[in-house]
Amino acid sequence: MPASGHNAPLTAAHLAVPDLLAVLRKAGVRNVSEEALRAHIAAGAPTNADGTVNLVHYAAWMVKELAKRGD
């Protein structure tokens, strides 16, 4: 079952924020929180019309943001 508690299967194109966090943590990202993800969304990270996040679009946005900061 997805971390969000819904019975729908996880897809990389439609992840609820808790599910995105779970995927990122399973991929080895340790310095991220649900609050940080929500802050990213508030700062312009792309979301789907239903509020879910496409993992590939989010990753591309993060790369762009990190490049702006010089990280």
Protein backbone atom coordinates (compact mmCIF):
# COMPACT_ATOMS: atom_id res chain seq x y z
CA MET A 1 0.00 0.00 0.00
CA PRO A 2 1.31 3.51 -0.77
CA ALA A 3 2.56 5.58 2.17
CA SER A 4 -0.39 7.94 1.73
CA GLY A 5 -2.78 5.16 2.77
CA HIS A 6 -4.59 5.01 -0.56
CA ASN A 7 -5.06 1.67 -2.28
CA ALA A 8 -4.15 2.97 -5.73
CA PRO A 9 -0.88 1.61 -7.09
CA LEU A 10 2.10 3.94 -7.08
CA THR A 11 3.15 5.40 -10.40
CA ALA A 12 6.07 7.75 -10.92
CA ALA A 13 3.74 10.14 -12.73
CA HIS A 14 1.26 10.54 -9.85
CA LEU A 15 2.76 10.49 -6.36
CA ALA A 16 1.14 12.04 -3.31
CA VAL A 17 3.68 13.98 -1.25
CA PRO A 18 4.03 11.23 1.42
CA ASP A 19 4.60 8.69 -1.36
CA LEU A 20 7.16 10.95 -3.06
CA LEU A 21 8.98 11.22 0.26
CA ALA A 22 8.96 7.43 0.64
CA VAL A 23 10.34 6.95 -2.89
CA LEU A 24 13.07 9.52 -2.33
CA ARG A 25 14.07 7.92 0.97
CA LYS A 26 14.18 4.46 -0.60
CA ALA A 27 16.46 5.95 -3.25
CA GLY A 28 18.84 7.07 -0.50
CA VAL A 29 17.83 10.71 -0.05
CA ARG A 30 18.06 11.33 3.68
CA ASN A 31 18.00 15.12 3.98
CA VAL A 32 14.42 15.69 2.84
CA SER A 33 11.18 15.98 4.79
CA GLU A 34 7.52 16.24 3.91
CA GLU A 35 7.67 19.88 4.97
CA ALA A 36 10.59 20.48 2.58
CA LEU A 37 8.68 18.87 -0.29
CA ARG A 38 5.64 21.02 0.44
CA ALA A 39 7.91 24.09 0.55
CA HIS A 40 9.31 23.11 -2.85
CA ILE A 41 5.78 22.88 -4.23
CA ALA A 42 4.96 26.29 -2.75
CA ALA A 43 8.15 27.62 -4.40
CA GLY A 44 7.08 26.37 -7.82
CA ALA A 45 7.86 22.67 -8.08
CA PRO A 46 5.47 21.26 -10.66
CA THR A 47 2.39 19.32 -9.62
CA ASN A 48 -0.37 17.57 -11.47
CA ALA A 49 -3.89 19.01 -11.50
CA ASP A 50 -4.86 16.65 -8.67
CA GLY A 51 -1.97 17.83 -6.47
CA THR A 52 0.18 14.76 -7.01
CA VAL A 53 3.77 15.01 -8.20
CA ASN A 54 5.42 13.51 -11.26
CA LEU A 55 8.78 12.20 -10.03
CA VAL A 56 10.59 12.96 -13.30
CA HIS A 57 9.22 16.52 -13.48
CA TYR A 58 10.10 17.11 -9.83
CA ALA A 59 13.63 15.80 -10.33
CA ALA A 60 14.10 18.06 -13.38
CA TRP A 61 12.83 21.04 -11.38
CA MET A 62 15.24 20.23 -8.54
CA VAL A 63 18.20 20.04 -10.95
CA LYS A 64 17.23 23.42 -12.38
CA GLU A 65 16.87 24.95 -8.92
CA LEU A 66 20.21 23.55 -7.75
CA ALA A 67 21.89 24.91 -10.87
CA LYS A 68 20.48 28.36 -10.12
CA ARG A 69 21.99 28.21 -6.64
CA GLY A 70 25.27 26.82 -7.89
CA ASP A 71 24.99 23.59 -5.86
